[in-house]
């Protein structure tokens, strides 16, 4: 982690040093983006694994050995029953994104996405008796949980204080949540009595494992994002670093955000983005905190690869983006695909 911070500091120093060493350069052939863009917004996230507090990635939860009661020929015996828990969460967002460019750089925007979330869970038991007998006992699939609501209403903008070979901008965004609940109540899960192979009936004493809390994800919180971007403009390439502080209300920890990206332009109307972004929750989790995939992460830290492509086809705008997880703690390991299709007025 220390190396990441040193890399960020080094990039900032290099950006600033090179910038002030250069004279002001203007490109008279810039593509004119000024005006109104009205865009359809779609985002797809799917995840079936997560990072724990040590950065280890898990695709299932191995439940501690527990005692259950097995009934065979009306005789009750005690067995040891290891089990593992798998899950699949899918989030889809769709809505509108409207942005107005005063010129090629300074702009304001509004985003209003809606989302639907689904959660599927399965638990697998292996029967192991004290005399060494071993067999698969049962696989239980839980009823699917699904919740839909307005994600947030975002109002933001970017203002360039200087834009030449070196550029610097100020960023701001306000996010108003679609609701005020900490978590959204889920549905009943996990029957206590089930029948396995060979007609074996077992009674499982359900502890409060993730997925049994009858809560499914948060409906958001008020957020204020403030930051700055610095970078260098070359003829066909742009290097951009962004730093933001994310104030988040309710239970969510505030976050530091950093990203660095290289934009490659084959022509003024199209660009390819290659970079990374990093979210760092500033608060330290309590000692008894554990990651629960049915709830919104509170202390998450994530490092993602960031790939994108944008093109203006006369008035048609196509903006594609893909984020791929590299590392994290107390967070989902999920890829995020975002697509914006719009019209320039």
Protein backbone atom coordinates (compact mmCIF):
# COMPACT_ATOMS: atom_id res chain seq x y z
CA UNK A 1 0.00 0.00 0.00
CA UNK A 2 2.87 2.34 0.82
CA UNK A 3 4.24 1.86 -2.71
CA UNK A 4 0.89 2.96 -4.18
CA UNK A 5 0.97 6.21 -2.19
CA UNK A 6 4.59 6.85 -3.27
CA UNK A 7 3.60 6.27 -6.90
CA UNK A 8 0.71 8.75 -6.58
CA UNK A 9 2.99 11.41 -5.06
CA UNK A 10 5.60 10.84 -7.77
CA UNK A 11 3.03 11.20 -10.55
CA UNK A 12 1.74 14.46 -9.07
CA UNK A 13 5.28 15.84 -8.80
CA UNK A 14 6.14 14.89 -12.39
CA UNK A 15 2.88 16.34 -13.75
CA UNK A 16 3.44 19.65 -11.98
CA UNK A 17 7.16 19.87 -12.78
CA UNK A 18 6.73 19.26 -16.48
CA UNK A 19 3.75 21.60 -16.69
CA UNK A 20 5.43 24.72 -15.39
CA UNK A 21 8.55 24.05 -17.43
CA UNK A 22 6.61 24.41 -20.68
CA UNK A 23 5.29 27.49 -22.44
CA UNK A 24 1.62 27.86 -23.27
CA UNK A 25 0.54 26.05 -26.44
CA UNK A 26 -2.84 26.32 -28.17
CA UNK A 27 -4.33 23.87 -30.62
CA UNK A 28 -6.60 25.70 -33.06
CA UNK A 29 -7.97 22.49 -34.56
CA UNK A 30 -9.74 21.19 -31.43
CA UNK A 31 -13.04 19.41 -32.01
CA UNK A 32 -15.90 21.61 -30.75
CA UNK A 33 -17.84 19.84 -27.96
CA UNK A 34 -19.74 22.88 -26.70
CA UNK A 35 -23.48 22.39 -26.34
CA UNK A 36 -25.93 19.97 -24.75
CA UNK A 37 -25.53 16.18 -24.63
CA UNK A 38 -28.52 14.04 -23.70
CA UNK A 39 -27.49 10.45 -23.05
CA UNK A 40 -28.99 7.11 -22.05
CA UNK A 41 -27.04 5.56 -19.17
CA UNK A 42 -26.62 1.79 -18.62
CA UNK A 43 -24.35 -0.02 -16.15
CA UNK A 44 -23.96 -3.71 -15.40
CA UNK A 45 -22.19 -5.16 -12.34
CA UNK A 46 -22.00 -8.84 -11.50
CA UNK A 47 -20.02 -10.38 -8.67
CA UNK A 48 -19.73 -13.75 -7.01
CA UNK A 49 -16.54 -13.16 -5.00
CA UNK A 50 -15.15 -10.63 -2.53
CA UNK A 51 -11.97 -9.42 -0.81
CA UNK A 52 -11.63 -9.88 2.94
CA UNK A 53 -9.84 -7.52 5.33
CA UNK A 54 -6.43 -8.93 4.37
CA UNK A 55 -6.99 -8.56 0.63
CA UNK A 56 -7.61 -12.28 0.07
CA UNK A 57 -10.15 -13.11 -2.62
CA UNK A 58 -12.93 -15.61 -1.90
CA UNK A 59 -15.53 -17.15 -4.19
CA UNK A 60 -17.30 -18.93 -1.36
CA UNK A 61 -17.69 -18.78 2.40
CA UNK A 62 -16.48 -21.86 4.23
CA UNK A 63 -18.74 -22.21 7.24
CA UNK A 64 -17.20 -23.41 10.48
CA UNK A 65 -17.95 -27.01 11.45
CA UNK A 66 -21.30 -27.12 13.19
CA UNK A 67 -23.34 -29.81 14.88
CA UNK A 68 -26.65 -30.90 13.45
CA UNK A 69 -29.03 -33.68 14.36
CA UNK A 70 -29.51 -36.48 11.84
CA UNK A 71 -32.43 -38.88 11.98
CA UNK A 72 -31.86 -42.37 10.61
CA UNK A 73 -34.34 -45.12 11.45
CA UNK A 74 -35.67 -42.99 14.31
CA UNK A 75 -32.24 -42.92 15.94
CA UNK A 76 -30.63 -39.53 16.51
CA UNK A 77 -26.87 -39.20 16.27
CA UNK A 78 -24.56 -36.19 16.28
CA UNK A 79 -22.43 -35.57 13.18
CA UNK A 80 -19.94 -32.97 12.04
CA UNK A 81 -21.18 -31.05 9.05
CA UNK A 82 -18.82 -28.70 7.12
CA UNK A 83 -20.54 -26.52 4.54
CA UNK A 84 -19.74 -23.78 2.04
CA UNK A 85 -21.83 -20.87 0.87
CA UNK A 86 -21.76 -19.44 -2.67
CA UNK A 87 -23.52 -16.32 -3.93
CA UNK A 88 -24.15 -14.31 -7.08
CA UNK A 89 -25.17 -10.64 -6.95
CA UNK A 90 -26.14 -8.73 -10.06
CA UNK A 91 -26.71 -4.96 -10.20
CA UNK A 92 -28.09 -3.20 -13.26
CA UNK A 93 -28.41 0.58 -13.48
CA UNK A 94 -30.14 2.56 -16.19
CA UNK A 95 -31.22 6.16 -16.51
CA UNK A 96 -30.33 9.50 -18.07
CA UNK A 97 -27.13 11.53 -18.11
CA UNK A 98 -27.33 15.13 -19.30
CA UNK A 99 -24.24 17.31 -19.69
CA UNK A 100 -23.72 20.83 -20.96
CA UNK A 101 -20.32 21.98 -22.26
CA UNK A 102 -19.75 25.74 -22.17
CA UNK A 103 -16.70 25.13 -24.37
CA UNK A 104 -14.49 22.10 -25.04
CA UNK A 105 -13.71 21.63 -21.35
CA UNK A 106 -15.88 23.43 -18.77
CA UNK A 107 -19.11 21.59 -18.15
CA UNK A 108 -21.96 20.74 -15.78
CA UNK A 109 -23.96 17.52 -15.66
CA UNK A 110 -26.92 15.71 -14.15
CA UNK A 111 -27.20 11.94 -13.71
CA UNK A 112 -30.29 10.07 -12.50
CA UNK A 113 -29.90 6.27 -12.58
CA UNK A 114 -32.33 3.64 -11.36
CA UNK A 115 -31.14 0.19 -10.33
CA UNK A 116 -32.29 -3.34 -9.80
CA UNK A 117 -30.36 -5.81 -7.61
CA UNK A 118 -30.74 -9.58 -7.45
CA UNK A 119 -29.11 -12.01 -5.02
CA UNK A 120 -28.90 -15.78 -5.50
CA UNK A 121 -27.37 -18.02 -2.82
CA UNK A 122 -26.58 -21.70 -2.48
CA UNK A 123 -25.25 -23.72 0.43
CA UNK A 124 -23.68 -27.17 0.05
CA UNK A 125 -23.36 -29.66 2.93
CA UNK A 126 -21.02 -32.63 3.13
CA UNK A 127 -21.99 -35.35 5.59
CA UNK A 128 -19.01 -36.50 7.69
CA UNK A 129 -19.69 -38.80 10.61
CA UNK A 130 -17.34 -39.48 13.46
CA UNK A 131 -16.60 -42.99 12.10
CA UNK A 132 -15.32 -41.54 8.77
CA UNK A 133 -18.44 -41.85 6.59
CA UNK A 134 -18.53 -39.05 3.97
CA UNK A 135 -21.13 -38.08 1.39
CA UNK A 136 -22.83 -35.01 -0.08
CA UNK A 137 -25.89 -34.38 2.04
CA UNK A 138 -27.74 -31.57 0.29
CA UNK A 139 -27.55 -28.43 -1.79
CA UNK A 140 -29.98 -25.69 -0.86
CA UNK A 141 -30.78 -22.84 -3.19
CA UNK A 142 -32.33 -19.86 -1.45
CA UNK A 143 -35.27 -17.90 -2.84
CA UNK A 144 -33.95 -15.10 -5.07
CA UNK A 145 -33.97 -11.67 -3.46
CA UNK A 146 -34.55 -8.65 -5.69
CA UNK A 147 -34.79 -4.91 -4.98
CA UNK A 148 -35.27 -1.94 -7.33
CA UNK A 149 -35.06 1.75 -6.51
CA UNK A 150 -33.63 5.08 -7.68
CA UNK A 151 -29.86 4.97 -7.11
CA UNK A 152 -29.27 8.70 -6.65
CA UNK A 153 -29.58 12.10 -8.28
CA UNK A 154 -26.14 13.54 -9.08
CA UNK A 155 -25.37 17.19 -9.88
CA UNK A 156 -21.78 18.06 -10.75
CA UNK A 157 -19.35 19.91 -12.92
CA UNK A 158 -15.75 20.57 -13.92
CA UNK A 159 -14.06 23.96 -14.26
CA UNK A 160 -10.61 24.38 -15.83
CA UNK A 161 -8.40 26.95 -14.11
CA UNK A 162 -5.69 26.46 -16.72
CA UNK A 163 -5.66 24.50 -19.97
CA UNK A 164 -2.69 24.33 -22.30
CA UNK A 165 0.18 21.86 -22.41
CA UNK A 166 -0.43 21.61 -18.67
CA UNK A 167 -4.01 21.65 -17.42
CA UNK A 168 -5.73 21.84 -14.06
CA UNK A 169 -9.42 21.62 -13.20
CA UNK A 170 -11.68 21.72 -10.16
CA UNK A 171 -14.30 18.97 -9.75
CA UNK A 172 -17.47 18.80 -7.69
CA UNK A 173 -20.51 16.57 -7.35
CA UNK A 174 -23.49 16.22 -5.01
CA UNK A 175 -25.32 12.89 -4.78
CA UNK A 176 -28.79 12.77 -3.29
CA UNK A 177 -29.88 9.18 -2.44
CA UNK A 178 -33.12 7.63 -3.56
CA UNK A 179 -34.07 6.79 0.05
CA UNK A 180 -32.96 7.08 3.65
CA UNK A 181 -32.94 3.48 4.92
CA UNK A 182 -29.63 2.05 6.07
CA UNK A 183 -30.58 -1.28 4.54
CA UNK A 184 -33.52 -2.61 2.61
CA UNK A 185 -35.32 -5.55 4.28
CA UNK A 186 -34.91 -8.78 2.33
CA UNK A 187 -36.98 -11.94 2.23
CA UNK A 188 -37.05 -15.08 4.39
CA UNK A 189 -34.16 -17.44 3.66
CA UNK A 190 -32.84 -20.83 4.73
CA UNK A 191 -35.34 -23.43 5.95
CA UNK A 192 -34.18 -25.21 9.10
CA UNK A 193 -35.32 -28.69 8.04
CA UNK A 194 -34.29 -30.32 4.77
CA UNK A 195 -33.93 -33.77 3.26
CA UNK A 196 -30.65 -34.95 1.77
CA UNK A 197 -29.68 -37.98 -0.27
CA UNK A 198 -31.02 -41.41 0.66
CA UNK A 199 -33.96 -39.77 2.41
CA UNK A 200 -31.83 -38.50 5.27
CA UNK A 201 -33.68 -35.80 7.16
CA UNK A 202 -31.55 -33.24 8.98
CA UNK A 203 -32.27 -30.30 11.20
CA UNK A 204 -29.83 -27.41 10.87
CA UNK A 205 -29.60 -24.82 13.66
CA UNK A 206 -29.26 -21.61 11.68
CA UNK A 207 -26.66 -19.17 13.02
CA UNK A 208 -26.51 -15.54 11.80
CA UNK A 209 -24.28 -16.18 8.78
CA UNK A 210 -24.15 -13.65 5.93
CA UNK A 211 -27.31 -13.97 3.91
CA UNK A 212 -29.57 -14.85 6.83
CA UNK A 213 -29.99 -11.33 8.19
CA UNK A 214 -33.05 -10.58 6.03
CA UNK A 215 -31.40 -7.36 4.80
CA UNK A 216 -30.30 -6.72 1.23
CA UNK A 217 -28.14 -3.74 0.29
CA UNK A 218 -28.42 -0.06 1.19
CA UNK A 219 -30.46 2.43 -0.80
CA UNK A 220 -27.61 4.95 -0.74
CA UNK A 221 -26.51 7.95 1.29
CA UNK A 222 -25.94 11.66 0.73
CA UNK A 223 -22.49 12.26 -0.77
CA UNK A 224 -20.36 15.30 -1.60
CA UNK A 225 -17.37 14.79 -3.93
CA UNK A 226 -14.70 17.51 -4.18
CA UNK A 227 -11.41 17.29 -6.02
CA UNK A 228 -9.02 18.36 -8.71
CA UNK A 229 -7.47 17.03 -11.91
CA UNK A 230 -4.02 17.76 -13.32
CA UNK A 231 -2.36 16.54 -16.47
CA UNK A 232 -0.46 17.06 -19.71
CA UNK A 233 -1.75 17.56 -23.25
CA UNK A 234 0.24 16.18 -26.15
CA UNK A 235 -0.73 16.22 -29.82
CA UNK A 236 -2.41 12.79 -29.83
CA UNK A 237 -2.21 11.88 -26.15
CA UNK A 238 -3.40 13.22 -22.82
CA UNK A 239 -2.24 12.12 -19.34
CA UNK A 240 -4.68 12.91 -16.53
CA UNK A 241 -4.57 12.35 -12.75
CA UNK A 242 -7.62 12.99 -10.57
CA UNK A 243 -7.81 13.34 -6.78
CA UNK A 244 -11.10 13.59 -4.87
CA UNK A 245 -12.39 13.41 -1.32
CA UNK A 246 -15.77 11.70 -1.02
CA UNK A 247 -17.83 12.86 1.97
CA UNK A 248 -20.40 10.13 2.69
CA UNK A 249 -23.18 10.23 5.29
CA UNK A 250 -24.95 7.56 7.36
CA UNK A 251 -22.76 4.52 8.17
CA UNK A 252 -20.51 4.81 5.12
CA UNK A 253 -16.87 5.74 5.67
CA UNK A 254 -15.53 8.78 3.79
CA UNK A 255 -13.21 7.88 0.93
CA UNK A 256 -10.16 9.17 -0.90
CA UNK A 257 -10.26 8.66 -4.66
CA UNK A 258 -7.38 8.70 -7.11
CA UNK A 259 -7.17 7.83 -10.78
CA UNK A 260 -4.58 8.15 -13.52
CA UNK A 261 -5.35 7.55 -17.17
CA UNK A 262 -3.78 7.96 -20.60
CA UNK A 263 -6.12 9.10 -23.38
CA UNK A 264 -4.99 8.20 -26.91
CA UNK A 265 -6.64 10.14 -29.73
CA UNK A 266 -6.61 8.74 -33.25
CA UNK A 267 -8.66 11.78 -34.23
CA UNK A 268 -10.26 14.70 -32.37
CA UNK A 269 -13.66 12.98 -32.31
CA UNK A 270 -12.47 9.70 -30.71
CA UNK A 271 -10.29 8.66 -27.78
CA UNK A 272 -9.16 5.46 -26.06
CA UNK A 273 -8.58 5.46 -22.26
CA UNK A 274 -6.20 3.18 -20.35
CA UNK A 275 -5.68 3.68 -16.62
CA UNK A 276 -6.58 2.74 -13.08
CA UNK A 277 -8.62 4.08 -10.16
CA UNK A 278 -8.39 3.56 -6.43
CA UNK A 279 -10.97 4.06 -3.65
CA UNK A 280 -9.65 4.21 -0.08
CA UNK A 281 -11.98 4.34 2.94
CA UNK A 282 -10.40 6.62 5.53
CA UNK A 283 -11.90 4.97 8.64
CA UNK A 284 -10.55 1.80 10.23
CA UNK A 285 -13.13 -0.98 10.64
CA UNK A 286 -13.90 -2.14 14.19
CA UNK A 287 -12.28 -5.39 15.27
CA UNK A 288 -15.53 -7.35 14.97
CA UNK A 289 -16.36 -6.08 11.46
CA UNK A 290 -16.75 -8.67 8.70
CA UNK A 291 -17.72 -8.36 5.06
CA UNK A 292 -21.36 -9.20 4.37
CA UNK A 293 -22.21 -9.50 0.67
CA UNK A 294 -25.90 -8.76 1.33
CA UNK A 295 -25.05 -5.27 2.58
CA UNK A 296 -23.47 -2.21 1.01
CA UNK A 297 -19.71 -2.17 1.84
CA UNK A 298 -18.89 0.41 4.52
CA UNK A 299 -15.08 0.32 4.75
CA UNK A 300 -14.23 -0.85 1.22
CA UNK A 301 -10.91 -0.20 -0.52
CA UNK A 302 -10.57 -1.15 -4.19
CA UNK A 303 -8.01 -0.88 -6.96
CA UNK A 304 -9.37 -1.27 -10.51
CA UNK A 305 -8.05 -1.24 -14.05
CA UNK A 306 -9.99 1.36 -16.06
CA UNK A 307 -10.54 1.02 -19.83
CA UNK A 308 -12.72 3.26 -21.98
CA UNK A 309 -13.59 4.43 -25.46
CA UNK A 310 -15.52 7.52 -26.59
CA UNK A 311 -16.45 8.70 -30.08
CA UNK A 312 -18.55 11.49 -31.59
CA UNK A 313 -20.20 10.46 -34.88
CA UNK A 314 -21.47 13.84 -36.00
CA UNK A 315 -24.19 14.23 -33.33
CA UNK A 316 -24.26 10.65 -32.07
CA UNK A 317 -22.16 10.01 -28.93
CA UNK A 318 -20.91 6.57 -27.86
CA UNK A 319 -19.11 6.26 -24.52
CA UNK A 320 -18.02 2.81 -23.25
CA UNK A 321 -16.13 2.00 -20.05
CA UNK A 322 -14.95 -1.15 -18.28
CA UNK A 323 -13.51 -1.45 -14.78
CA UNK A 324 -11.74 -4.66 -13.77
CA UNK A 325 -10.88 -5.39 -10.10
CA UNK A 326 -7.21 -5.88 -9.22
CA UNK A 327 -7.14 -5.78 -5.42
CA UNK A 328 -9.30 -4.74 -2.48
CA UNK A 329 -10.27 -5.14 1.17
CA UNK A 330 -13.79 -5.51 2.60
CA UNK A 331 -15.16 -5.09 -0.93
CA UNK A 332 -16.77 -6.95 -3.80
CA UNK A 333 -14.55 -8.23 -6.58
CA UNK A 334 -16.71 -7.07 -9.43
CA UNK A 335 -16.23 -5.86 -12.98
CA UNK A 336 -18.31 -2.84 -13.98
CA UNK A 337 -19.41 -2.16 -17.56
CA UNK A 338 -20.87 1.28 -18.32
CA UNK A 339 -22.37 2.45 -21.59
CA UNK A 340 -23.68 5.90 -22.54
CA UNK A 341 -25.45 6.52 -25.83
CA UNK A 342 -26.55 10.03 -26.59
CA UNK A 343 -27.19 12.91 -28.93
CA UNK A 344 -25.33 16.21 -29.17
CA UNK A 345 -27.53 19.30 -29.52
